[in-house]
Amino acid sequence: MTEKKMLIMDPADNVGVLLEDAAAGDVCSNGDIRVIALEDIEFCHKIALCDLQSGENAIKYGQKIGYISSFTKKGQWVHRHNLLSERGR
């Protein structure tokens, strides 16, 4: 288990952005916030900071970036397979 850095810009954020590749089991941290990656997640991709319910807003950098499309556990990768983006709509 290795510690990896992630970026969280706003207290309202429910996803963090990895600042380096993380493997399943790595601890991703920003200050006092620590999340164990449940799967491999690449640099610049999002990780769930808490359990996210289907239909819930995804918040990154204090901004709504879309909706969670399926239940996502804390520590899971957040991407096209479980996030419906509002960009370009």
N, C-alpha and C. Protein backbone atom coordinates (compact mmCIF):
# COMPACT_ATOMS: atom_id res chain seq x y z
N MET A 1 0.86 -1.18 0.00
CA MET A 1 0.00 0.00 0.00
C MET A 1 0.90 1.24 0.00
N THR A 2 0.70 2.08 -1.01
CA THR A 2 1.49 3.29 -1.17
C THR A 2 0.57 4.49 -1.05
N GLU A 3 1.10 5.62 -0.60
CA GLU A 3 0.29 6.84 -0.52
C GLU A 3 0.44 7.63 -1.81
N LYS A 4 -0.69 8.04 -2.37
CA LYS A 4 -0.74 8.80 -3.62
C LYS A 4 -1.43 10.13 -3.36
N LYS A 5 -1.03 11.15 -4.11
CA LYS A 5 -1.62 12.48 -3.95
C LYS A 5 -2.85 12.64 -4.83
N MET A 6 -3.83 13.38 -4.30
CA MET A 6 -5.00 13.73 -5.11
C MET A 6 -5.34 15.19 -4.86
N LEU A 7 -6.06 15.78 -5.79
CA LEU A 7 -6.44 17.18 -5.73
C LEU A 7 -7.91 17.30 -5.36
N ILE A 8 -8.19 18.10 -4.35
CA ILE A 8 -9.56 18.44 -3.95
C ILE A 8 -9.55 19.95 -3.80
N MET A 9 -10.38 20.65 -4.57
CA MET A 9 -10.34 22.10 -4.60
C MET A 9 -11.39 22.77 -3.71
N ASP A 10 -12.44 22.05 -3.34
CA ASP A 10 -13.56 22.68 -2.64
C ASP A 10 -14.12 21.68 -1.62
N PRO A 11 -14.52 22.15 -0.45
CA PRO A 11 -15.10 21.24 0.55
C PRO A 11 -16.36 20.51 0.05
N ALA A 12 -17.02 21.04 -0.97
CA ALA A 12 -18.23 20.40 -1.50
C ALA A 12 -17.91 19.25 -2.45
N ASP A 13 -16.66 19.12 -2.87
CA ASP A 13 -16.28 18.07 -3.84
C ASP A 13 -16.59 16.69 -3.29
N ASN A 14 -17.17 15.84 -4.15
CA ASN A 14 -17.37 14.44 -3.78
C ASN A 14 -16.55 13.50 -4.67
N VAL A 15 -15.74 14.09 -5.55
CA VAL A 15 -14.73 13.34 -6.31
C VAL A 15 -13.42 14.10 -6.20
N GLY A 16 -12.33 13.35 -6.14
CA GLY A 16 -11.00 13.93 -6.15
C GLY A 16 -10.32 13.57 -7.46
N VAL A 17 -9.27 14.29 -7.80
CA VAL A 17 -8.52 14.04 -9.03
C VAL A 17 -7.13 13.54 -8.64
N LEU A 18 -6.76 12.37 -9.16
CA LEU A 18 -5.45 11.80 -8.81
C LEU A 18 -4.33 12.57 -9.48
N LEU A 19 -3.28 12.84 -8.72
CA LEU A 19 -2.11 13.54 -9.22
C LEU A 19 -0.99 12.58 -9.60
N GLU A 20 -1.29 11.29 -9.50
CA GLU A 20 -0.37 10.24 -9.93
C GLU A 20 -1.17 8.95 -10.05
N ASP A 21 -0.66 7.99 -10.81
CA ASP A 21 -1.35 6.70 -10.95
C ASP A 21 -1.49 6.05 -9.58
N ALA A 22 -2.63 5.41 -9.36
CA ALA A 22 -2.86 4.67 -8.11
C ALA A 22 -3.26 3.24 -8.47
N ALA A 23 -2.77 2.31 -7.68
CA ALA A 23 -3.15 0.90 -7.82
C ALA A 23 -4.18 0.57 -6.74
N ALA A 24 -4.96 -0.47 -6.99
CA ALA A 24 -5.93 -0.92 -5.98
C ALA A 24 -5.20 -1.12 -4.66
N GLY A 25 -5.75 -0.55 -3.59
CA GLY A 25 -5.16 -0.67 -2.26
C GLY A 25 -4.32 0.52 -1.86
N ASP A 26 -3.93 1.36 -2.83
CA ASP A 26 -3.17 2.57 -2.49
C ASP A 26 -4.06 3.55 -1.74
N VAL A 27 -3.45 4.32 -0.84
CA VAL A 27 -4.16 5.36 -0.11
C VAL A 27 -3.98 6.67 -0.87
N CYS A 28 -5.08 7.28 -1.28
CA CYS A 28 -5.05 8.55 -1.99
C CYS A 28 -5.39 9.64 -0.98
N SER A 29 -4.54 10.68 -0.91
CA SER A 29 -4.73 11.65 0.16
C SER A 29 -4.60 13.09 -0.32
N ASN A 30 -5.30 13.94 0.44
CA ASN A 30 -5.22 15.39 0.30
C ASN A 30 -5.49 15.94 1.69
N GLY A 31 -4.46 16.44 2.35
CA GLY A 31 -4.63 16.91 3.72
C GLY A 31 -5.11 15.78 4.61
N ASP A 32 -6.22 16.01 5.31
CA ASP A 32 -6.78 15.01 6.22
C ASP A 32 -7.69 13.99 5.52
N ILE A 33 -7.96 14.19 4.25
CA ILE A 33 -8.85 13.28 3.51
C ILE A 33 -8.02 12.15 2.93
N ARG A 34 -8.42 10.92 3.26
CA ARG A 34 -7.72 9.73 2.80
C ARG A 34 -8.75 8.74 2.28
N VAL A 35 -8.50 8.22 1.09
CA VAL A 35 -9.41 7.26 0.44
C VAL A 35 -8.57 6.12 -0.11
N ILE A 36 -8.99 4.90 0.15
CA ILE A 36 -8.31 3.73 -0.40
C ILE A 36 -8.87 3.44 -1.78
N ALA A 37 -8.00 3.41 -2.80
CA ALA A 37 -8.42 3.09 -4.16
C ALA A 37 -8.87 1.64 -4.21
N LEU A 38 -10.07 1.41 -4.74
CA LEU A 38 -10.61 0.06 -4.83
C LEU A 38 -10.22 -0.63 -6.13
N GLU A 39 -9.65 0.15 -7.06
CA GLU A 39 -9.22 -0.39 -8.35
C GLU A 39 -8.08 0.51 -8.85
N ASP A 40 -7.39 0.07 -9.89
CA ASP A 40 -6.35 0.89 -10.49
C ASP A 40 -7.00 2.12 -11.12
N ILE A 41 -6.43 3.30 -10.85
CA ILE A 41 -6.95 4.56 -11.40
C ILE A 41 -5.76 5.36 -11.90
N GLU A 42 -5.85 5.85 -13.13
CA GLU A 42 -4.75 6.58 -13.75
C GLU A 42 -4.69 8.04 -13.32
N PHE A 43 -3.51 8.62 -13.46
CA PHE A 43 -3.24 10.04 -13.25
C PHE A 43 -4.31 10.88 -13.95
N CYS A 44 -4.79 11.91 -13.28
CA CYS A 44 -5.79 12.87 -13.77
C CYS A 44 -7.21 12.32 -13.82
N HIS A 45 -7.43 11.08 -13.41
CA HIS A 45 -8.78 10.54 -13.37
C HIS A 45 -9.37 10.76 -11.99
N LYS A 46 -10.69 10.62 -11.89
CA LYS A 46 -11.43 10.93 -10.67
C LYS A 46 -11.62 9.69 -9.80
N ILE A 47 -11.65 9.93 -8.47
CA ILE A 47 -11.92 8.89 -7.48
C ILE A 47 -13.06 9.38 -6.59
N ALA A 48 -13.97 8.48 -6.25
CA ALA A 48 -15.10 8.83 -5.38
C ALA A 48 -14.59 9.03 -3.95
N LEU A 49 -14.94 10.17 -3.36
CA LEU A 49 -14.52 10.49 -1.99
C LEU A 49 -15.49 9.94 -0.95
N CYS A 50 -16.65 9.49 -1.41
CA CYS A 50 -17.68 8.89 -0.53
C CYS A 50 -18.54 8.00 -1.42
N ASP A 51 -19.41 7.21 -0.81
CA ASP A 51 -20.36 6.45 -1.61
C ASP A 51 -21.26 7.43 -2.35
N LEU A 52 -21.47 7.18 -3.64
CA LEU A 52 -22.30 8.06 -4.48
C LEU A 52 -23.47 7.27 -5.03
N GLN A 53 -24.66 7.78 -4.83
CA GLN A 53 -25.88 7.12 -5.28
C GLN A 53 -26.20 7.48 -6.72
N SER A 54 -26.86 6.58 -7.42
CA SER A 54 -27.32 6.86 -8.78
C SER A 54 -28.21 8.11 -8.77
N GLY A 55 -27.97 9.05 -9.69
CA GLY A 55 -28.73 10.28 -9.77
C GLY A 55 -28.12 11.43 -8.99
N GLU A 56 -27.16 11.15 -8.14
CA GLU A 56 -26.51 12.19 -7.33
C GLU A 56 -25.60 13.05 -8.21
N ASN A 57 -25.50 14.33 -7.89
CA ASN A 57 -24.58 15.22 -8.61
C ASN A 57 -23.14 14.81 -8.31
N ALA A 58 -22.30 14.85 -9.34
CA ALA A 58 -20.86 14.69 -9.16
C ALA A 58 -20.28 16.10 -9.08
N ILE A 59 -19.53 16.37 -8.01
CA ILE A 59 -18.99 17.71 -7.78
C ILE A 59 -17.46 17.64 -7.82
N LYS A 60 -16.86 18.41 -8.72
CA LYS A 60 -15.40 18.51 -8.87
C LYS A 60 -15.05 19.99 -8.94
N TYR A 61 -14.05 20.41 -8.16
CA TYR A 61 -13.62 21.81 -8.11
C TYR A 61 -14.77 22.73 -7.72
N GLY A 62 -15.71 22.21 -6.92
CA GLY A 62 -16.84 23.00 -6.47
C GLY A 62 -17.94 23.16 -7.50
N GLN A 63 -17.83 22.48 -8.64
CA GLN A 63 -18.80 22.61 -9.73
C GLN A 63 -19.45 21.26 -10.04
N LYS A 64 -20.73 21.29 -10.36
CA LYS A 64 -21.40 20.06 -10.80
C LYS A 64 -20.90 19.72 -12.20
N ILE A 65 -20.40 18.50 -12.36
CA ILE A 65 -19.88 18.09 -13.67
C ILE A 65 -20.76 17.05 -14.33
N GLY A 66 -21.80 16.61 -13.65
CA GLY A 66 -22.70 15.60 -14.20
C GLY A 66 -23.41 14.85 -13.09
N TYR A 67 -23.95 13.68 -13.48
CA TYR A 67 -24.71 12.84 -12.56
C TYR A 67 -24.10 11.46 -12.48
N ILE A 68 -24.13 10.88 -11.30
CA ILE A 68 -23.69 9.50 -11.12
C ILE A 68 -24.77 8.60 -11.73
N SER A 69 -24.36 7.69 -12.62
CA SER A 69 -25.33 6.85 -13.33
C SER A 69 -25.56 5.50 -12.67
N SER A 70 -24.66 5.08 -11.78
CA SER A 70 -24.85 3.83 -11.03
C SER A 70 -24.12 3.97 -9.70
N PHE A 71 -24.62 3.25 -8.70
CA PHE A 71 -24.00 3.33 -7.38
C PHE A 71 -22.49 3.16 -7.49
N THR A 72 -21.76 4.05 -6.84
CA THR A 72 -20.30 4.05 -6.88
C THR A 72 -19.78 4.10 -5.45
N LYS A 73 -18.96 3.12 -5.09
CA LYS A 73 -18.40 3.06 -3.73
C LYS A 73 -17.26 4.06 -3.56
N LYS A 74 -17.09 4.51 -2.33
CA LYS A 74 -15.94 5.33 -1.97
C LYS A 74 -14.68 4.60 -2.41
N GLY A 75 -13.82 5.29 -3.16
CA GLY A 75 -12.57 4.68 -3.63
C GLY A 75 -12.63 4.15 -5.05
N GLN A 76 -13.81 4.12 -5.66
CA GLN A 76 -13.92 3.64 -7.03
C GLN A 76 -13.59 4.75 -8.03
N TRP A 77 -13.20 4.32 -9.22
CA TRP A 77 -12.92 5.21 -10.34
C TRP A 77 -14.23 5.82 -10.80
N VAL A 78 -14.24 7.12 -11.05
CA VAL A 78 -15.42 7.83 -11.57
C VAL A 78 -15.07 8.27 -12.98
N HIS A 79 -15.82 7.73 -13.97
CA HIS A 79 -15.54 8.02 -15.37
C HIS A 79 -16.80 7.73 -16.18
N ARG A 80 -16.69 7.56 -17.47
CA ARG A 80 -17.85 7.41 -18.37
C ARG A 80 -18.76 6.24 -18.00
N HIS A 81 -18.23 5.21 -17.38
CA HIS A 81 -19.03 4.03 -17.06
C HIS A 81 -20.00 4.28 -15.89
N ASN A 82 -19.77 5.34 -15.10
CA ASN A 82 -20.67 5.61 -13.97
C ASN A 82 -20.95 7.10 -13.78
N LEU A 83 -20.67 7.90 -14.82
CA LEU A 83 -20.88 9.35 -14.76
C LEU A 83 -21.48 9.82 -16.08
N LEU A 84 -22.62 10.52 -15.98
CA LEU A 84 -23.22 11.15 -17.16
C LEU A 84 -22.83 12.60 -17.13
N SER A 85 -22.05 13.03 -18.11
CA SER A 85 -21.54 14.40 -18.14
C SER A 85 -22.58 15.36 -18.68
N GLU A 86 -22.50 16.60 -18.21
CA GLU A 86 -23.38 17.66 -18.71
C GLU A 86 -22.65 18.53 -19.73
N ARG A 87 -21.39 18.29 -19.92
CA ARG A 87 -20.61 19.12 -20.85
C ARG A 87 -21.07 18.85 -22.28
N GLY A 88 -21.22 19.92 -23.04
CA GLY A 88 -21.63 19.80 -24.43
C GLY A 88 -23.11 19.57 -24.63
N ARG A 89 -23.90 19.68 -23.55
CA ARG A 89 -25.36 19.48 -23.68
C ARG A 89 -26.07 20.79 -23.63
